[in-house]
């Protein structure tokens, strides 16, 4: 491969991996409808997946790689390495960031949906870097024809893979975050990690065997489709759960922290959208931002109250609730009456 082909291939490969990643990541981020996670933390999660997780996975895979002498056929080595070693190593490398978020930014890790979001962002970062390496190798080994095939398969057909793998780990940690009982708190995260490894291994097994038997790719397609569908169902259930929290945690505060119309509209995505649209029409984007601050403060307070009710309150959590209540009252007092109509 000459220098010109390499430069063009590198530029096209960067575009081919960043554009689908941006589309998929934006779609997942859009699902976080009630309480937006901090953008810097989401970016940090993505960067962890794109750089440290990839480097750590490469290092560990080289250390625990399958030696060739005892296995004979190259296909067997490839299947064992891809289906047994890579999923374990890579899911542990990606899951490390989720554990760091849970330990150091506990206030931003509320439930299953948060875990799915952070896990998906880590997975997108990992996939972006991994895809770039695969695209360049395909161009070097098979030219533009093989490059186009790999781009289509990894960027489009399997574009959500690493995201939904690690979303399982995040969902397990998110569930444990709000769970009662020692077994659920400590056992469910391991089940989530096991599901991520299993889904990853099933995908890799299908793609590894497809070189010898093309029909084996169906194993990857069916497994990936089922995994993505399961994540979609978990997102839908998590959104329903968050909606219930907004209704129940403010039920006794109607007329104090919130008016009845505010409580009703805050408890549904359609109502929150109407609040924002009415604010924008009445007072422009500054008014819409003020309504957004009201929604954010109310949502954080509801989640904090739910956490205290399920896991028990502590001094730090009680202090945070006081801050959120004062913020909510301050934002509400600055709003004109049109936002309730």
C-alpha atoms as a PDB file:
ATOM      1  CA  UNK A   1       0.000   0.000   0.000  1.00  0.00           C
ATOM      2  CA  UNK A   2       1.546   3.273  -1.128  1.00  0.00           C
ATOM      3  CA  UNK A   3       1.579   6.486   0.929  1.00  0.00           C
ATOM      4  CA  UNK A   4      -1.253   8.168  -0.998  1.00  0.00           C
ATOM      5  CA  UNK A   5      -3.538   5.169  -0.548  1.00  0.00           C
ATOM      6  CA  UNK A   6      -2.695   5.053   3.140  1.00  0.00           C
ATOM      7  CA  UNK A   7      -3.485   8.745   3.676  1.00  0.00           C
ATOM      8  CA  UNK A   8      -6.765   8.555   1.764  1.00  0.00           C
ATOM      9  CA  UNK A   9      -7.653   5.307   3.511  1.00  0.00           C
ATOM     10  CA  UNK A  10      -6.859   6.801   6.917  1.00  0.00           C
ATOM     11  CA  UNK A  11      -9.041   9.868   6.288  1.00  0.00           C
ATOM     12  CA  UNK A  12     -11.929   7.810   4.945  1.00  0.00           C
ATOM     13  CA  UNK A  13     -11.588   5.304   7.774  1.00  0.00           C
ATOM     14  CA  UNK A  14     -11.764   8.102  10.351  1.00  0.00           C
ATOM     15  CA  UNK A  15     -14.942   9.393   8.727  1.00  0.00           C
ATOM     16  CA  UNK A  16     -16.365   5.880   8.440  1.00  0.00           C
ATOM     17  CA  UNK A  17     -15.891   5.239  12.152  1.00  0.00           C
ATOM     18  CA  UNK A  18     -16.750   8.667  13.603  1.00  0.00           C
ATOM     19  CA  UNK A  19     -19.935   9.436  11.636  1.00  0.00           C
ATOM     20  CA  UNK A  20     -21.845   6.222  12.533  1.00  0.00           C
ATOM     21  CA  UNK A  21     -20.547   6.471  16.096  1.00  0.00           C
ATOM     22  CA  UNK A  22     -21.871  10.020  16.414  1.00  0.00           C
ATOM     23  CA  UNK A  23     -25.274   8.957  15.042  1.00  0.00           C
ATOM     24  CA  UNK A  24     -25.603   5.928  17.325  1.00  0.00           C
ATOM     25  CA  UNK A  25     -24.344   7.818  20.390  1.00  0.00           C
ATOM     26  CA  UNK A  26     -26.761  10.694  19.774  1.00  0.00           C
ATOM     27  CA  UNK A  27     -29.633   8.231  19.534  1.00  0.00           C
ATOM     28  CA  UNK A  28     -28.760   6.614  22.867  1.00  0.00           C
ATOM     29  CA  UNK A  29     -28.196  10.009  24.531  1.00  0.00           C
ATOM     30  CA  UNK A  30     -31.646  11.115  23.336  1.00  0.00           C
ATOM     31  CA  UNK A  31     -33.200   8.254  25.329  1.00  0.00           C
ATOM     32  CA  UNK A  32     -32.146   9.922  28.601  1.00  0.00           C
ATOM     33  CA  UNK A  33     -35.256  12.101  28.700  1.00  0.00           C
ATOM     34  CA  UNK A  34     -35.816  13.055  32.339  1.00  0.00           C
ATOM     35  CA  UNK A  35     -32.435  13.759  33.918  1.00  0.00           C
ATOM     36  CA  UNK A  36     -29.606  14.529  31.545  1.00  0.00           C
ATOM     37  CA  UNK A  37     -26.269  13.193  32.699  1.00  0.00           C
ATOM     38  CA  UNK A  38     -23.351  15.669  32.867  1.00  0.00           C
ATOM     39  CA  UNK A  39     -21.795  16.073  29.438  1.00  0.00           C
ATOM     40  CA  UNK A  40     -18.199  16.075  30.781  1.00  0.00           C
ATOM     41  CA  UNK A  41     -18.815  12.708  32.447  1.00  0.00           C
ATOM     42  CA  UNK A  42     -20.308  11.273  29.258  1.00  0.00           C
ATOM     43  CA  UNK A  43     -17.329  12.551  27.253  1.00  0.00           C
ATOM     44  CA  UNK A  44     -14.936  11.079  29.814  1.00  0.00           C
ATOM     45  CA  UNK A  45     -16.747   7.737  29.542  1.00  0.00           C
ATOM     46  CA  UNK A  46     -16.401   7.825  25.760  1.00  0.00           C
ATOM     47  CA  UNK A  47     -12.699   8.700  25.980  1.00  0.00           C
ATOM     48  CA  UNK A  48     -12.096   5.849  28.433  1.00  0.00           C
ATOM     49  CA  UNK A  49     -13.577   3.432  25.938  1.00  0.00           C
ATOM     50  CA  UNK A  50     -11.643   4.916  23.028  1.00  0.00           C
ATOM     51  CA  UNK A  51      -8.196   4.981  24.622  1.00  0.00           C
ATOM     52  CA  UNK A  52      -7.462   3.383  28.040  1.00  0.00           C
ATOM     53  CA  UNK A  53      -9.895   0.503  27.594  1.00  0.00           C
ATOM     54  CA  UNK A  54      -8.516  -0.355  24.142  1.00  0.00           C
ATOM     55  CA  UNK A  55      -4.900  -0.182  25.312  1.00  0.00           C
ATOM     56  CA  UNK A  56      -5.668  -2.229  28.414  1.00  0.00           C
ATOM     57  CA  UNK A  57      -7.529  -4.823  26.359  1.00  0.00           C
ATOM     58  CA  UNK A  58      -4.662  -5.116  23.865  1.00  0.00           C
ATOM     59  CA  UNK A  59      -2.166  -5.541  26.689  1.00  0.00           C
ATOM     60  CA  UNK A  60      -4.211  -8.189  28.483  1.00  0.00           C
ATOM     61  CA  UNK A  61      -5.047 -10.062  25.290  1.00  0.00           C
ATOM     62  CA  UNK A  62      -1.358 -10.246  24.438  1.00  0.00           C
ATOM     63  CA  UNK A  63      -0.622 -11.585  27.927  1.00  0.00           C
ATOM     64  CA  UNK A  64      -3.444 -14.130  27.962  1.00  0.00           C
ATOM     65  CA  UNK A  65      -3.454 -14.928  24.263  1.00  0.00           C
ATOM     66  CA  UNK A  66      -3.786 -18.493  23.086  1.00  0.00           C
ATOM     67  CA  UNK A  67      -0.453 -20.031  22.034  1.00  0.00           C
ATOM     68  CA  UNK A  68      -0.535 -21.714  18.666  1.00  0.00           C
ATOM     69  CA  UNK A  69       1.445 -24.879  19.279  1.00  0.00           C
ATOM     70  CA  UNK A  70      -1.024 -26.802  21.412  1.00  0.00           C
ATOM     71  CA  UNK A  71      -4.124 -26.096  19.363  1.00  0.00           C
ATOM     72  CA  UNK A  72      -3.151 -27.086  15.897  1.00  0.00           C
ATOM     73  CA  UNK A  73      -5.502 -25.447  13.443  1.00  0.00           C
ATOM     74  CA  UNK A  74      -5.558 -21.687  13.042  1.00  0.00           C
ATOM     75  CA  UNK A  75      -9.355 -21.573  13.069  1.00  0.00           C
ATOM     76  CA  UNK A  76      -9.457 -23.202  16.497  1.00  0.00           C
ATOM     77  CA  UNK A  77      -6.990 -20.665  17.851  1.00  0.00           C
ATOM     78  CA  UNK A  78      -9.031 -17.823  16.382  1.00  0.00           C
ATOM     79  CA  UNK A  79     -12.308 -19.118  17.813  1.00  0.00           C
ATOM     80  CA  UNK A  80     -10.861 -19.667  21.303  1.00  0.00           C
ATOM     81  CA  UNK A  81      -9.133 -16.291  21.348  1.00  0.00           C
ATOM     82  CA  UNK A  82     -12.103 -14.351  19.974  1.00  0.00           C
ATOM     83  CA  UNK A  83     -14.881 -16.147  21.854  1.00  0.00           C
ATOM     84  CA  UNK A  84     -13.274 -17.003  25.197  1.00  0.00           C
ATOM     85  CA  UNK A  85     -10.499 -14.513  25.881  1.00  0.00           C
ATOM     86  CA  UNK A  86     -11.419 -11.280  24.095  1.00  0.00           C
ATOM     87  CA  UNK A  87     -14.952 -10.920  25.556  1.00  0.00           C
ATOM     88  CA  UNK A  88     -13.733 -11.344  29.137  1.00  0.00           C
ATOM     89  CA  UNK A  89     -10.755  -9.031  28.752  1.00  0.00           C
ATOM     90  CA  UNK A  90     -12.599  -6.317  26.839  1.00  0.00           C
ATOM     91  CA  UNK A  91     -15.698  -6.239  29.042  1.00  0.00           C
ATOM     92  CA  UNK A  92     -13.565  -5.982  32.169  1.00  0.00           C
ATOM     93  CA  UNK A  93     -11.520  -3.187  30.569  1.00  0.00           C
ATOM     94  CA  UNK A  94     -14.655  -1.253  29.637  1.00  0.00           C
ATOM     95  CA  UNK A  95     -16.441  -1.994  32.905  1.00  0.00           C
ATOM     96  CA  UNK A  96     -13.622  -0.406  34.883  1.00  0.00           C
ATOM     97  CA  UNK A  97     -14.880   3.035  33.926  1.00  0.00           C
ATOM     98  CA  UNK A  98     -18.382   2.215  35.177  1.00  0.00           C
ATOM     99  CA  UNK A  99     -16.940   1.208  38.530  1.00  0.00           C
ATOM    100  CA  UNK A 100     -14.976   4.472  38.732  1.00  0.00           C
ATOM    101  CA  UNK A 101     -18.108   6.506  38.011  1.00  0.00           C
ATOM    102  CA  UNK A 102     -20.014   4.610  40.681  1.00  0.00           C
ATOM    103  CA  UNK A 103     -17.247   5.152  43.239  1.00  0.00           C
ATOM    104  CA  UNK A 104     -16.405   8.806  42.581  1.00  0.00           C
ATOM    105  CA  UNK A 105     -19.567  10.264  41.003  1.00  0.00           C
ATOM    106  CA  UNK A 106     -22.269   8.367  42.850  1.00  0.00           C
ATOM    107  CA  UNK A 107     -24.648  11.327  42.675  1.00  0.00           C
ATOM    108  CA  UNK A 108     -24.692  11.048  38.877  1.00  0.00           C
ATOM    109  CA  UNK A 109     -25.354   7.286  38.813  1.00  0.00           C
ATOM    110  CA  UNK A 110     -28.989   6.909  39.824  1.00  0.00           C
ATOM    111  CA  UNK A 111     -30.550   3.903  38.149  1.00  0.00           C
ATOM    112  CA  UNK A 112     -30.588   1.372  35.329  1.00  0.00           C
ATOM    113  CA  UNK A 113     -30.958   4.016  32.630  1.00  0.00           C
ATOM    114  CA  UNK A 114     -27.864   5.883  33.830  1.00  0.00           C
ATOM    115  CA  UNK A 115     -25.895   2.642  33.794  1.00  0.00           C
ATOM    116  CA  UNK A 116     -27.044   1.848  30.266  1.00  0.00           C
ATOM    117  CA  UNK A 117     -26.119   5.345  29.086  1.00  0.00           C
ATOM    118  CA  UNK A 118     -22.630   5.353  30.588  1.00  0.00           C
ATOM    119  CA  UNK A 119     -21.995   1.784  29.459  1.00  0.00           C
ATOM    120  CA  UNK A 120     -23.113   2.565  25.921  1.00  0.00           C
ATOM    121  CA  UNK A 121     -20.865   5.635  25.715  1.00  0.00           C
ATOM    122  CA  UNK A 122     -17.880   3.587  26.841  1.00  0.00           C
ATOM    123  CA  UNK A 123     -18.768   0.962  24.253  1.00  0.00           C
ATOM    124  CA  UNK A 124     -19.081   3.542  21.475  1.00  0.00           C
ATOM    125  CA  UNK A 125     -15.632   4.893  22.280  1.00  0.00           C
ATOM    126  CA  UNK A 126     -14.155   1.400  22.254  1.00  0.00           C
ATOM    127  CA  UNK A 127     -15.849   0.509  18.976  1.00  0.00           C
ATOM    128  CA  UNK A 128     -14.686   3.712  17.295  1.00  0.00           C
ATOM    129  CA  UNK A 129     -11.023   2.985  17.960  1.00  0.00           C
ATOM    130  CA  UNK A 130     -11.327  -0.739  17.255  1.00  0.00           C
ATOM    131  CA  UNK A 131     -13.158  -0.098  13.989  1.00  0.00           C
ATOM    132  CA  UNK A 132     -10.465   2.296  12.821  1.00  0.00           C
ATOM    133  CA  UNK A 133      -7.849  -0.403  13.323  1.00  0.00           C
ATOM    134  CA  UNK A 134      -9.975  -3.004  11.513  1.00  0.00           C
ATOM    135  CA  UNK A 135     -10.696  -0.658   8.607  1.00  0.00           C
ATOM    136  CA  UNK A 136      -7.015   0.080   8.033  1.00  0.00           C
ATOM    137  CA  UNK A 137      -6.102  -3.602   8.262  1.00  0.00           C
ATOM    138  CA  UNK A 138      -8.831  -4.511   5.751  1.00  0.00           C
ATOM    139  CA  UNK A 139      -7.513  -1.898   3.318  1.00  0.00           C
ATOM    140  CA  UNK A 140      -3.965  -3.207   3.722  1.00  0.00           C
ATOM    141  CA  UNK A 141      -4.925  -6.876   3.342  1.00  0.00           C
ATOM    142  CA  UNK A 142      -7.688  -6.802   0.739  1.00  0.00           C
ATOM    143  CA  UNK A 143      -7.852  -3.372  -0.865  1.00  0.00           C
ATOM    144  CA  UNK A 144     -10.878  -1.104  -1.216  1.00  0.00           C
ATOM    145  CA  UNK A 145     -13.332  -3.932  -1.797  1.00  0.00           C
ATOM    146  CA  UNK A 146     -12.603  -5.593   1.519  1.00  0.00           C
ATOM    147  CA  UNK A 147     -12.452  -2.153   3.186  1.00  0.00           C
ATOM    148  CA  UNK A 148     -15.990  -1.342   2.045  1.00  0.00           C
ATOM    149  CA  UNK A 149     -17.328  -4.675   3.274  1.00  0.00           C
ATOM    150  CA  UNK A 150     -15.747  -4.295   6.708  1.00  0.00           C
ATOM    151  CA  UNK A 151     -16.962  -0.702   7.006  1.00  0.00           C
ATOM    152  CA  UNK A 152     -20.536  -1.760   6.232  1.00  0.00           C
ATOM    153  CA  UNK A 153     -20.490  -4.713   8.622  1.00  0.00           C
ATOM    154  CA  UNK A 154     -18.748  -3.110  11.590  1.00  0.00           C
ATOM    155  CA  UNK A 155     -20.048   0.440  11.200  1.00  0.00           C
ATOM    156  CA  UNK A 156     -23.664  -0.236  10.236  1.00  0.00           C
ATOM    157  CA  UNK A 157     -24.756  -3.841  10.767  1.00  0.00           C
ATOM    158  CA  UNK A 158     -22.832  -4.320  14.017  1.00  0.00           C
ATOM    159  CA  UNK A 159     -22.523  -0.641  14.946  1.00  0.00           C
ATOM    160  CA  UNK A 160     -24.264  -1.023  18.304  1.00  0.00           C
ATOM    161  CA  UNK A 161     -22.370  -4.088  19.471  1.00  0.00           C
ATOM    162  CA  UNK A 162     -19.872  -2.789  22.008  1.00  0.00           C
ATOM    163  CA  UNK A 163     -22.434  -0.275  23.246  1.00  0.00           C
ATOM    164  CA  UNK A 164     -25.067  -2.861  24.086  1.00  0.00           C
ATOM    165  CA  UNK A 165     -22.489  -5.299  25.485  1.00  0.00           C
ATOM    166  CA  UNK A 166     -21.297  -2.810  28.095  1.00  0.00           C
ATOM    167  CA  UNK A 167     -24.839  -1.493  28.600  1.00  0.00           C
ATOM    168  CA  UNK A 168     -25.588  -4.837  30.275  1.00  0.00           C
ATOM    169  CA  UNK A 169     -22.794  -4.213  32.783  1.00  0.00           C
ATOM    170  CA  UNK A 170     -24.027  -0.675  33.377  1.00  0.00           C
ATOM    171  CA  UNK A 171     -27.613  -1.850  33.819  1.00  0.00           C
ATOM    172  CA  UNK A 172     -26.500  -4.323  36.489  1.00  0.00           C
ATOM    173  CA  UNK A 173     -24.660  -1.615  38.422  1.00  0.00           C
ATOM    174  CA  UNK A 174     -27.582   0.778  38.002  1.00  0.00           C
ATOM    175  CA  UNK A 175     -30.031  -1.783  39.349  1.00  0.00           C
ATOM    176  CA  UNK A 176     -27.801  -2.464  42.328  1.00  0.00           C
ATOM    177  CA  UNK A 177     -27.591   1.278  42.976  1.00  0.00           C
ATOM    178  CA  UNK A 178     -31.265   1.355  43.969  1.00  0.00           C
ATOM    179  CA  UNK A 179     -31.758  -2.235  45.170  1.00  0.00           C
ATOM    180  CA  UNK A 180     -32.525  -3.422  48.651  1.00  0.00           C
ATOM    181  CA  UNK A 181     -30.806  -6.489  49.996  1.00  0.00           C
ATOM    182  CA  UNK A 182     -27.172  -7.523  49.953  1.00  0.00           C
ATOM    183  CA  UNK A 183     -27.595 -10.145  47.218  1.00  0.00           C
ATOM    184  CA  UNK A 184     -29.112  -7.692  44.755  1.00  0.00           C
ATOM    185  CA  UNK A 185     -26.553  -5.006  45.497  1.00  0.00           C
ATOM    186  CA  UNK A 186     -23.567  -7.284  44.978  1.00  0.00           C
ATOM    187  CA  UNK A 187     -24.911 -10.100  42.829  1.00  0.00           C
ATOM    188  CA  UNK A 188     -26.769  -8.279  40.063  1.00  0.00           C
ATOM    189  CA  UNK A 189     -23.672  -6.344  38.837  1.00  0.00           C
ATOM    190  CA  UNK A 190     -21.898  -9.657  38.247  1.00  0.00           C
ATOM    191  CA  UNK A 191     -24.932 -10.945  36.360  1.00  0.00           C
ATOM    192  CA  UNK A 192     -24.814  -7.825  34.189  1.00  0.00           C
ATOM    193  CA  UNK A 193     -21.120  -8.350  33.490  1.00  0.00           C
ATOM    194  CA  UNK A 194     -21.751 -12.026  32.724  1.00  0.00           C
ATOM    195  CA  UNK A 195     -24.499 -11.063  30.260  1.00  0.00           C
ATOM    196  CA  UNK A 196     -22.113  -8.625  28.555  1.00  0.00           C
ATOM    197  CA  UNK A 197     -19.419 -11.299  28.236  1.00  0.00           C
ATOM    198  CA  UNK A 198     -21.901 -13.898  26.983  1.00  0.00           C
ATOM    199  CA  UNK A 199     -23.384 -11.590  24.329  1.00  0.00           C
ATOM    200  CA  UNK A 200     -19.879 -10.559  23.252  1.00  0.00           C
ATOM    201  CA  UNK A 201     -18.728 -14.179  23.061  1.00  0.00           C
ATOM    202  CA  UNK A 202     -21.765 -15.226  21.009  1.00  0.00           C
ATOM    203  CA  UNK A 203     -21.129 -12.452  18.500  1.00  0.00           C
ATOM    204  CA  UNK A 204     -17.444 -13.270  18.193  1.00  0.00           C
ATOM    205  CA  UNK A 205     -18.156 -16.971  17.823  1.00  0.00           C
ATOM    206  CA  UNK A 206     -20.477 -16.347  14.869  1.00  0.00           C
ATOM    207  CA  UNK A 207     -18.085 -14.000  13.094  1.00  0.00           C
ATOM    208  CA  UNK A 208     -15.099 -16.308  13.706  1.00  0.00           C
ATOM    209  CA  UNK A 209     -16.874 -19.358  12.289  1.00  0.00           C
ATOM    210  CA  UNK A 210     -18.308 -17.433   9.320  1.00  0.00           C
ATOM    211  CA  UNK A 211     -14.955 -17.727   7.583  1.00  0.00           C
ATOM    212  CA  UNK A 212     -15.454 -21.492   7.356  1.00  0.00           C
ATOM    213  CA  UNK A 213     -19.261 -21.537   7.235  1.00  0.00           C
ATOM    214  CA  UNK A 214     -21.057 -18.406   6.031  1.00  0.00           C
ATOM    215  CA  UNK A 215     -24.296 -19.367   7.790  1.00  0.00           C
ATOM    216  CA  UNK A 216     -22.536 -18.986  11.152  1.00  0.00           C
ATOM    217  CA  UNK A 217     -22.940 -15.220  10.833  1.00  0.00           C
ATOM    218  CA  UNK A 218     -26.616 -15.787  11.662  1.00  0.00           C
ATOM    219  CA  UNK A 219     -25.531 -16.595  15.223  1.00  0.00           C
ATOM    220  CA  UNK A 220     -24.067 -13.105  15.511  1.00  0.00           C
ATOM    221  CA  UNK A 221     -27.045 -11.428  13.854  1.00  0.00           C
ATOM    222  CA  UNK A 222     -29.635 -13.205  16.001  1.00  0.00           C
ATOM    223  CA  UNK A 223     -27.668 -12.737  19.214  1.00  0.00           C
ATOM    224  CA  UNK A 224     -26.999  -9.062  18.518  1.00  0.00           C
ATOM    225  CA  UNK A 225     -30.603  -8.404  17.531  1.00  0.00           C
ATOM    226  CA  UNK A 226     -31.884 -10.039  20.697  1.00  0.00           C
ATOM    227  CA  UNK A 227     -29.398  -8.152  22.850  1.00  0.00           C
ATOM    228  CA  UNK A 228     -30.274  -4.786  21.343  1.00  0.00           C
ATOM    229  CA  UNK A 229     -33.985  -5.514  21.760  1.00  0.00           C
ATOM    230  CA  UNK A 230     -33.404  -6.388  25.414  1.00  0.00           C
ATOM    231  CA  UNK A 231     -31.567  -3.091  25.994  1.00  0.00           C
ATOM    232  CA  UNK A 232     -34.410  -1.187  24.317  1.00  0.00           C
ATOM    233  CA  UNK A 233     -36.910  -2.889  26.639  1.00  0.00           C
ATOM    234  CA  UNK A 234     -34.765  -2.026  29.669  1.00  0.00           C
ATOM    235  CA  UNK A 235     -34.617   1.625  28.572  1.00  0.00           C
ATOM    236  CA  UNK A 236     -38.398   1.728  28.195  1.00  0.00           C
ATOM    237  CA  UNK A 237     -38.946   0.158  31.616  1.00  0.00           C
ATOM    238  CA  UNK A 238     -36.409   2.525  33.200  1.00  0.00           C
ATOM    239  CA  UNK A 239     -38.170   5.548  31.718  1.00  0.00           C
ATOM    240  CA  UNK A 240     -41.479   4.303  33.078  1.00  0.00           C
ATOM    241  CA  UNK A 241     -39.856   3.853  36.485  1.00  0.00           C
ATOM    242  CA  UNK A 242     -38.429   7.372  36.460  1.00  0.00           C
ATOM    243  CA  UNK A 243     -41.849   8.721  35.540  1.00  0.00           C
ATOM    244  CA  UNK A 244     -43.344   6.973  38.584  1.00  0.00           C
ATOM    245  CA  UNK A 245     -40.679   8.485  40.820  1.00  0.00           C
ATOM    246  CA  UNK A 246     -41.589  11.978  39.638  1.00  0.00           C
ATOM    247  CA  UNK A 247     -45.253  11.324  40.414  1.00  0.00           C
ATOM    248  CA  UNK A 248     -44.837   9.678  43.813  1.00  0.00           C
ATOM    249  CA  UNK A 249     -41.955  11.662  45.314  1.00  0.00           C
ATOM    250  CA  UNK A 250     -43.752  15.007  44.843  1.00  0.00           C
ATOM    251  CA  UNK A 251     -47.273  13.803  45.641  1.00  0.00           C
ATOM    252  CA  UNK A 252     -47.202  15.434  49.092  1.00  0.00           C
ATOM    253  CA  UNK A 253     -45.537  18.650  47.898  1.00  0.00           C
ATOM    254  CA  UNK A 254     -48.220  19.870  45.508  1.00  0.00           C
ATOM    255  CA  UNK A 255     -48.977  23.445  46.531  1.00  0.00           C
ATOM    256  CA  UNK A 256     -45.585  23.832  48.246  1.00  0.00           C
ATOM    257  CA  UNK A 257     -42.621  22.973  46.062  1.00  0.00           C
ATOM    258  CA  UNK A 258     -44.747  22.499  42.936  1.00  0.00           C
ATOM    259  CA  UNK A 259     -48.184  23.525  41.767  1.00  0.00           C
ATOM    260  CA  UNK A 260     -50.650  20.902  40.566  1.00  0.00           C
ATOM    261  CA  UNK A 261     -50.136  21.770  36.851  1.00  0.00           C
ATOM    262  CA  UNK A 262     -46.352  21.680  37.286  1.00  0.00           C
ATOM    263  CA  UNK A 263     -46.513  18.298  38.989  1.00  0.00           C
ATOM    264  CA  UNK A 264     -48.714  16.887  36.250  1.00  0.00           C
ATOM    265  CA  UNK A 265     -46.574  18.161  33.378  1.00  0.00           C
ATOM    266  CA  UNK A 266     -43.261  17.203  35.000  1.00  0.00           C
ATOM    267  CA  UNK A 267     -44.426  13.601  35.309  1.00  0.00           C
ATOM    268  CA  UNK A 268     -44.636  12.926  31.571  1.00  0.00           C
ATOM    269  CA  UNK A 269     -42.392  13.498  28.591  1.00  0.00           C
ATOM    270  CA  UNK A 270     -45.233  15.106  26.662  1.00  0.00           C
ATOM    271  CA  UNK A 271     -45.980  17.487  29.520  1.00  0.00           C
ATOM    272  CA  UNK A 272     -42.331  18.484  29.879  1.00  0.00           C
ATOM    273  CA  UNK A 273     -42.149  19.142  26.150  1.00  0.00           C
ATOM    274  CA  UNK A 274     -45.262  21.339  26.353  1.00  0.00           C
ATOM    275  CA  UNK A 275     -43.676  23.318  29.182  1.00  0.00           C
ATOM    276  CA  UNK A 276     -40.568  23.981  27.110  1.00  0.00           C
ATOM    277  CA  UNK A 277     -42.517  24.905  23.987  1.00  0.00           C
ATOM    278  CA  UNK A 278     -44.816  27.274  25.889  1.00  0.00           C
ATOM    279  CA  UNK A 279     -41.805  28.901  27.541  1.00  0.00           C
ATOM    280  CA  UNK A 280     -40.001  29.378  24.236  1.00  0.00           C
ATOM    281  CA  UNK A 281     -43.047  30.969  22.614  1.00  0.00           C
ATOM    282  CA  UNK A 282     -43.693  33.250  25.579  1.00  0.00           C
ATOM    283  CA  UNK A 283     -40.161  34.311  26.479  1.00  0.00           C
ATOM    284  CA  UNK A 284     -37.760  32.910  23.904  1.00  0.00           C
ATOM    285  CA  UNK A 285     -34.810  30.640  24.594  1.00  0.00           C
ATOM    286  CA  UNK A 286     -33.936  32.268  27.976  1.00  0.00           C
ATOM    287  CA  UNK A 287     -37.391  31.298  29.248  1.00  0.00           C
ATOM    288  CA  UNK A 288     -36.996  27.780  27.834  1.00  0.00           C
ATOM    289  CA  UNK A 289     -33.647  27.436  29.619  1.00  0.00           C
ATOM    290  CA  UNK A 290     -35.300  28.537  32.876  1.00  0.00           C
ATOM    291  CA  UNK A 291     -37.966  25.854  32.462  1.00  0.00           C
ATOM    292  CA  UNK A 292     -35.218  23.351  31.715  1.00  0.00           C
ATOM    293  CA  UNK A 293     -33.546  24.305  35.010  1.00  0.00           C
ATOM    294  CA  UNK A 294     -36.854  23.802  36.818  1.00  0.00           C
ATOM    295  CA  UNK A 295     -37.266  20.364  35.290  1.00  0.00           C
ATOM    296  CA  UNK A 296     -33.691  19.370  36.067  1.00  0.00           C
ATOM    297  CA  UNK A 297     -33.872  20.511  39.707  1.00  0.00           C
ATOM    298  CA  UNK A 298     -37.216  18.762  40.249  1.00  0.00           C
ATOM    299  CA  UNK A 299     -35.993  15.536  38.639  1.00  0.00           C
ATOM    300  CA  UNK A 300     -32.756  15.428  40.641  1.00  0.00           C
ATOM    301  CA  UNK A 301     -34.712  16.043  43.841  1.00  0.00           C
ATOM    302  CA  UNK A 302     -37.195  13.260  43.061  1.00  0.00           C
ATOM    303  CA  UNK A 303     -34.379  10.801  42.319  1.00  0.00           C
ATOM    304  CA  UNK A 304     -32.533  11.818  45.479  1.00  0.00           C
ATOM    305  CA  UNK A 305     -35.657  11.315  47.580  1.00  0.00           C
ATOM    306  CA  UNK A 306     -36.243   7.908  46.059  1.00  0.00           C
ATOM    307  CA  UNK A 307     -32.662   6.892  46.784  1.00  0.00           C
ATOM    308  CA  UNK A 308     -33.036   7.973  50.416  1.00  0.00           C
ATOM    309  CA  UNK A 309     -36.290   6.049  50.745  1.00  0.00           C
ATOM    310  CA  UNK A 310     -34.911   2.816  49.300  1.00  0.00           C
ATOM    311  CA  UNK A 311     -31.335   2.823  50.559  1.00  0.00           C
ATOM    312  CA  UNK A 312     -31.642   5.005  53.666  1.00  0.00           C
ATOM    313  CA  UNK A 313     -30.749   8.663  54.058  1.00  0.00           C
ATOM    314  CA  UNK A 314     -27.326   9.898  55.122  1.00  0.00           C
ATOM    315  CA  UNK A 315     -25.975  13.340  55.976  1.00  0.00           C
ATOM    316  CA  UNK A 316     -24.538  13.930  52.506  1.00  0.00           C
ATOM    317  CA  UNK A 317     -27.755  12.936  50.788  1.00  0.00           C
ATOM    318  CA  UNK A 318     -29.859  15.043  53.175  1.00  0.00           C
ATOM    319  CA  UNK A 319     -27.623  18.043  52.472  1.00  0.00           C
ATOM    320  CA  UNK A 320     -27.989  17.505  48.738  1.00  0.00           C
ATOM    321  CA  UNK A 321     -31.767  17.351  49.057  1.00  0.00           C
ATOM    322  CA  UNK A 322     -31.778  20.659  50.923  1.00  0.00           C
ATOM    323  CA  UNK A 323     -29.717  22.274  48.175  1.00  0.00           C
ATOM    324  CA  UNK A 324     -32.022  20.908  45.485  1.00  0.00           C
ATOM    325  CA  UNK A 325     -35.159  22.071  47.306  1.00  0.00           C
ATOM    326  CA  UNK A 326     -33.780  25.605  47.619  1.00  0.00           C
ATOM    327  CA  UNK A 327     -32.734  25.583  43.970  1.00  0.00           C
ATOM    328  CA  UNK A 328     -36.172  24.396  42.886  1.00  0.00           C
ATOM    329  CA  UNK A 329     -37.917  27.120  44.914  1.00  0.00           C
ATOM    330  CA  UNK A 330     -35.555  29.784  43.581  1.00  0.00           C
ATOM    331  CA  UNK A 331     -36.081  28.773  39.954  1.00  0.00           C
ATOM    332  CA  UNK A 332     -39.856  28.518  40.418  1.00  0.00           C
ATOM    333  CA  UNK A 333     -40.152  31.907  42.104  1.00  0.00           C
ATOM    334  CA  UNK A 334     -38.422  33.565  39.147  1.00  0.00           C
ATOM    335  CA  UNK A 335     -40.897  32.169  36.596  1.00  0.00           C
ATOM    336  CA  UNK A 336     -44.015  34.068  35.463  1.00  0.00           C
ATOM    337  CA  UNK A 337     -47.449  32.484  35.637  1.00  0.00           C
ATOM    338  CA  UNK A 338     -47.646  31.507  31.967  1.00  0.00           C
ATOM    339  CA  UNK A 339     -45.592  28.353  32.523  1.00  0.00           C
ATOM    340  CA  UNK A 340     -48.460  26.697  34.399  1.00  0.00           C
ATOM    341  CA  UNK A 341     -51.198  27.254  31.893  1.00  0.00           C
END
